[in-house]
Amino acid sequence: MESRVVVDSNVWISALVFGGAPRAVFETVLEVGIQVAMSAEIIEEIRRLVSVKFATFGDDLEAMLTLFSDYIHFVRLGPLRLEVSRDPDDDLVLETAIRRRHPSSLLETRICSHLVSIRV
C-alpha cells in the first residue's frame, strides 16, 4: 500500500526558505517515493504566503512544486468547508487529510495546538 502525507503550508515554506527538519520531510519524499496529498487550495495558500512574506522565493517555490509534481496527488475539497481549528488555513490541511482517507496517511503540520475539537 502506497504511503501518502499531507504537508502543511508552513512546512512547505520553511523547507523552501530555512531548510532544516522541514526540508528533511521533502528529501524523504524524494528518497522513498512518498505521495504528497495536496489540494488546489493548499497550493494557493502557499503561493499567497510566499508572495506576501518571502517574495524573493517565488521562482524557487515554482521550481519546488515542479520538482515534486510527480509525487503530488491532488485531492478535491468539497463544497462544505471543514471548520474545526482557530485558523481557517489549517482547516484546508485537515480537510485534505480527511478527504484523502488513506490508512497510511500522516499529517505533517504544526497545528495541533490550535485545534479546538474534531470528530471524524
C-alpha atoms as a PDB file:
ATOM      1  CA  MET A   1       0.000   0.000   0.000  1.00  0.00           C
ATOM      2  CA  GLU A   2       1.327   3.408  -1.028  1.00  0.00           C
ATOM      3  CA  SER A   3       2.150   5.938   1.697  1.00  0.00           C
ATOM      4  CA  ARG A   4       0.799   9.464   1.463  1.00  0.00           C
ATOM      5  CA  VAL A   5       1.500  12.501   3.575  1.00  0.00           C
ATOM      6  CA  VAL A   6      -0.313  15.831   3.844  1.00  0.00           C
ATOM      7  CA  VAL A   7       2.109  18.685   4.446  1.00  0.00           C
ATOM      8  CA  ASP A   8       1.009  21.980   5.977  1.00  0.00           C
ATOM      9  CA  SER A   9       1.807  25.167   4.036  1.00  0.00           C
ATOM     10  CA  ASN A  10       4.132  26.358   6.821  1.00  0.00           C
ATOM     11  CA  VAL A  11       6.251  23.220   6.417  1.00  0.00           C
ATOM     12  CA  TRP A  12       6.478  23.793   2.634  1.00  0.00           C
ATOM     13  CA  ILE A  13       7.547  27.394   3.190  1.00  0.00           C
ATOM     14  CA  SER A  14      10.005  26.555   5.981  1.00  0.00           C
ATOM     15  CA  ALA A  15      11.592  23.872   3.797  1.00  0.00           C
ATOM     16  CA  LEU A  16      11.927  26.369   0.962  1.00  0.00           C
ATOM     17  CA  VAL A  17      13.233  29.322   2.969  1.00  0.00           C
ATOM     18  CA  PHE A  18      15.022  27.860   6.009  1.00  0.00           C
ATOM     19  CA  GLY A  19      15.761  24.168   5.341  1.00  0.00           C
ATOM     20  CA  GLY A  20      16.354  22.021   8.417  1.00  0.00           C
ATOM     21  CA  ALA A  21      13.773  19.456   9.548  1.00  0.00           C
ATOM     22  CA  PRO A  22      11.069  20.727   7.166  1.00  0.00           C
ATOM     23  CA  ARG A  23      13.405  20.206   4.204  1.00  0.00           C
ATOM     24  CA  ALA A  24      14.136  16.685   5.501  1.00  0.00           C
ATOM     25  CA  VAL A  25      10.430  15.886   5.022  1.00  0.00           C
ATOM     26  CA  PHE A  26      10.775  16.623   1.315  1.00  0.00           C
ATOM     27  CA  GLU A  27      14.096  14.827   0.999  1.00  0.00           C
ATOM     28  CA  THR A  28      12.338  11.749   2.395  1.00  0.00           C
ATOM     29  CA  VAL A  29       9.518  12.172  -0.121  1.00  0.00           C
ATOM     30  CA  LEU A  30      12.079  12.060  -2.947  1.00  0.00           C
ATOM     31  CA  GLU A  31      14.165   9.236  -1.470  1.00  0.00           C
ATOM     32  CA  VAL A  32      11.282   6.940  -0.543  1.00  0.00           C
ATOM     33  CA  GLY A  33       8.789   8.000  -3.203  1.00  0.00           C
ATOM     34  CA  ILE A  34       6.034   9.001  -0.799  1.00  0.00           C
ATOM     35  CA  GLN A  35       2.998  10.669  -2.387  1.00  0.00           C
ATOM     36  CA  VAL A  36       2.088  14.138  -1.089  1.00  0.00           C
ATOM     37  CA  ALA A  37      -1.677  14.656  -0.907  1.00  0.00           C
ATOM     38  CA  MET A  38      -2.441  18.259  -1.878  1.00  0.00           C
ATOM     39  CA  SER A  39      -5.443  20.365  -2.697  1.00  0.00           C
ATOM     40  CA  ALA A  40      -5.502  23.322  -5.060  1.00  0.00           C
ATOM     41  CA  GLU A  41      -6.437  25.408  -2.021  1.00  0.00           C
ATOM     42  CA  ILE A  42      -3.234  24.465  -0.172  1.00  0.00           C
ATOM     43  CA  ILE A  43      -1.087  25.346  -3.184  1.00  0.00           C
ATOM     44  CA  GLU A  44      -2.941  28.658  -3.487  1.00  0.00           C
ATOM     45  CA  GLU A  45      -2.277  29.353   0.199  1.00  0.00           C
ATOM     46  CA  ILE A  46       1.436  28.524  -0.180  1.00  0.00           C
ATOM     47  CA  ARG A  47       1.764  30.844  -3.193  1.00  0.00           C
ATOM     48  CA  ARG A  48      -0.091  33.618  -1.353  1.00  0.00           C
ATOM     49  CA  LEU A  49       2.061  33.359   1.768  1.00  0.00           C
ATOM     50  CA  VAL A  50       5.318  33.238  -0.193  1.00  0.00           C
ATOM     51  CA  SER A  51       4.334  36.285  -2.257  1.00  0.00           C
ATOM     52  CA  VAL A  52       3.492  38.248   0.899  1.00  0.00           C
ATOM     53  CA  LYS A  53       6.276  37.144   3.266  1.00  0.00           C
ATOM     54  CA  PHE A  54       9.107  35.844   1.055  1.00  0.00           C
ATOM     55  CA  ALA A  55       8.553  37.379  -2.387  1.00  0.00           C
ATOM     56  CA  THR A  56      12.154  36.734  -3.483  1.00  0.00           C
ATOM     57  CA  PHE A  57      11.446  32.981  -3.209  1.00  0.00           C
ATOM     58  CA  GLY A  58       8.572  32.951  -5.713  1.00  0.00           C
ATOM     59  CA  ASP A  59      10.605  31.377  -8.533  1.00  0.00           C
ATOM     60  CA  ASP A  60      12.147  28.889  -6.107  1.00  0.00           C
ATOM     61  CA  LEU A  61       8.665  27.856  -4.960  1.00  0.00           C
ATOM     62  CA  GLU A  62       7.557  27.196  -8.529  1.00  0.00           C
ATOM     63  CA  ALA A  63      10.723  25.133  -9.104  1.00  0.00           C
ATOM     64  CA  MET A  64       9.999  23.178  -5.918  1.00  0.00           C
ATOM     65  CA  LEU A  65       6.416  22.475  -6.987  1.00  0.00           C
ATOM     66  CA  THR A  66       7.677  21.336 -10.387  1.00  0.00           C
ATOM     67  CA  LEU A  67      10.292  19.074  -8.767  1.00  0.00           C
ATOM     68  CA  PHE A  68       7.594  17.400  -6.654  1.00  0.00           C
ATOM     69  CA  SER A  69       4.901  17.297  -9.333  1.00  0.00           C
ATOM     70  CA  ASP A  70       5.358  13.541  -9.874  1.00  0.00           C
ATOM     71  CA  TYR A  71       4.835  12.986  -6.126  1.00  0.00           C
ATOM     72  CA  ILE A  72       1.750  15.185  -5.677  1.00  0.00           C
ATOM     73  CA  HIS A  73      -1.665  13.516  -5.532  1.00  0.00           C
ATOM     74  CA  PHE A  74      -4.438  16.084  -5.859  1.00  0.00           C
ATOM     75  CA  VAL A  75      -7.433  15.815  -3.556  1.00  0.00           C
ATOM     76  CA  ARG A  76     -10.578  17.760  -4.378  1.00  0.00           C
ATOM     77  CA  LEU A  77     -12.079  19.522  -1.404  1.00  0.00           C
ATOM     78  CA  GLY A  78     -15.821  19.528  -1.056  1.00  0.00           C
ATOM     79  CA  PRO A  79     -18.242  22.426  -1.253  1.00  0.00           C
ATOM     80  CA  LEU A  80     -18.784  22.281   2.507  1.00  0.00           C
ATOM     81  CA  ARG A  81     -15.712  23.507   4.319  1.00  0.00           C
ATOM     82  CA  LEU A  82     -14.358  21.961   7.490  1.00  0.00           C
ATOM     83  CA  GLU A  83     -14.249  24.491  10.348  1.00  0.00           C
ATOM     84  CA  VAL A  84     -12.567  22.980  13.387  1.00  0.00           C
ATOM     85  CA  SER A  85      -9.424  24.995  14.092  1.00  0.00           C
ATOM     86  CA  ARG A  86      -8.793  28.571  15.096  1.00  0.00           C
ATOM     87  CA  ASP A  87      -7.018  29.181  11.780  1.00  0.00           C
ATOM     88  CA  PRO A  88      -9.138  28.617   8.641  1.00  0.00           C
ATOM     89  CA  ASP A  89      -5.975  27.889   6.614  1.00  0.00           C
ATOM     90  CA  ASP A  90      -5.286  24.916   8.890  1.00  0.00           C
ATOM     91  CA  ASP A  91      -8.735  23.565   8.086  1.00  0.00           C
ATOM     92  CA  LEU A  92      -7.593  23.149   4.459  1.00  0.00           C
ATOM     93  CA  VAL A  93      -4.841  20.777   5.576  1.00  0.00           C
ATOM     94  CA  LEU A  94      -7.174  18.808   7.822  1.00  0.00           C
ATOM     95  CA  GLU A  95      -9.852  18.562   5.160  1.00  0.00           C
ATOM     96  CA  THR A  96      -7.282  17.354   2.624  1.00  0.00           C
ATOM     97  CA  ALA A  97      -6.130  14.643   5.043  1.00  0.00           C
ATOM     98  CA  ILE A  98      -9.675  13.574   5.856  1.00  0.00           C
ATOM     99  CA  ARG A  99     -10.828  13.514   2.242  1.00  0.00           C
ATOM    100  CA  ARG A 100      -7.739  11.517   1.280  1.00  0.00           C
ATOM    101  CA  ARG A 101      -8.734   8.869   3.876  1.00  0.00           C
ATOM    102  CA  HIS A 102      -5.764   6.646   3.272  1.00  0.00           C
ATOM    103  CA  PRO A 103      -4.887   4.197   6.073  1.00  0.00           C
ATOM    104  CA  SER A 104      -1.190   5.046   5.931  1.00  0.00           C
ATOM    105  CA  SER A 105      -1.668   8.825   5.765  1.00  0.00           C
ATOM    106  CA  LEU A 106       0.389  11.038   8.014  1.00  0.00           C
ATOM    107  CA  LEU A 107      -0.281  14.644   8.891  1.00  0.00           C
ATOM    108  CA  GLU A 108       2.885  16.757   8.959  1.00  0.00           C
ATOM    109  CA  THR A 109       1.970  20.098  10.451  1.00  0.00           C
ATOM    110  CA  ARG A 110       2.342  22.346  13.438  1.00  0.00           C
ATOM    111  CA  ILE A 111      -1.340  22.993  14.029  1.00  0.00           C
ATOM    112  CA  CYS A 112      -2.124  20.517  16.802  1.00  0.00           C
ATOM    113  CA  SER A 113      -2.082  23.194  19.500  1.00  0.00           C
ATOM    114  CA  HIS A 114      -4.650  25.207  17.538  1.00  0.00           C
ATOM    115  CA  LEU A 115      -7.307  22.520  17.286  1.00  0.00           C
ATOM    116  CA  VAL A 116     -10.459  23.023  19.254  1.00  0.00           C
ATOM    117  CA  SER A 117     -12.107  19.672  18.528  1.00  0.00           C
ATOM    118  CA  ILE A 118     -12.587  17.340  15.623  1.00  0.00           C
ATOM    119  CA  ARG A 119     -14.732  14.283  15.052  1.00  0.00           C
ATOM    120  CA  VAL A 120     -14.227  12.085  12.001  1.00  0.00           C
END
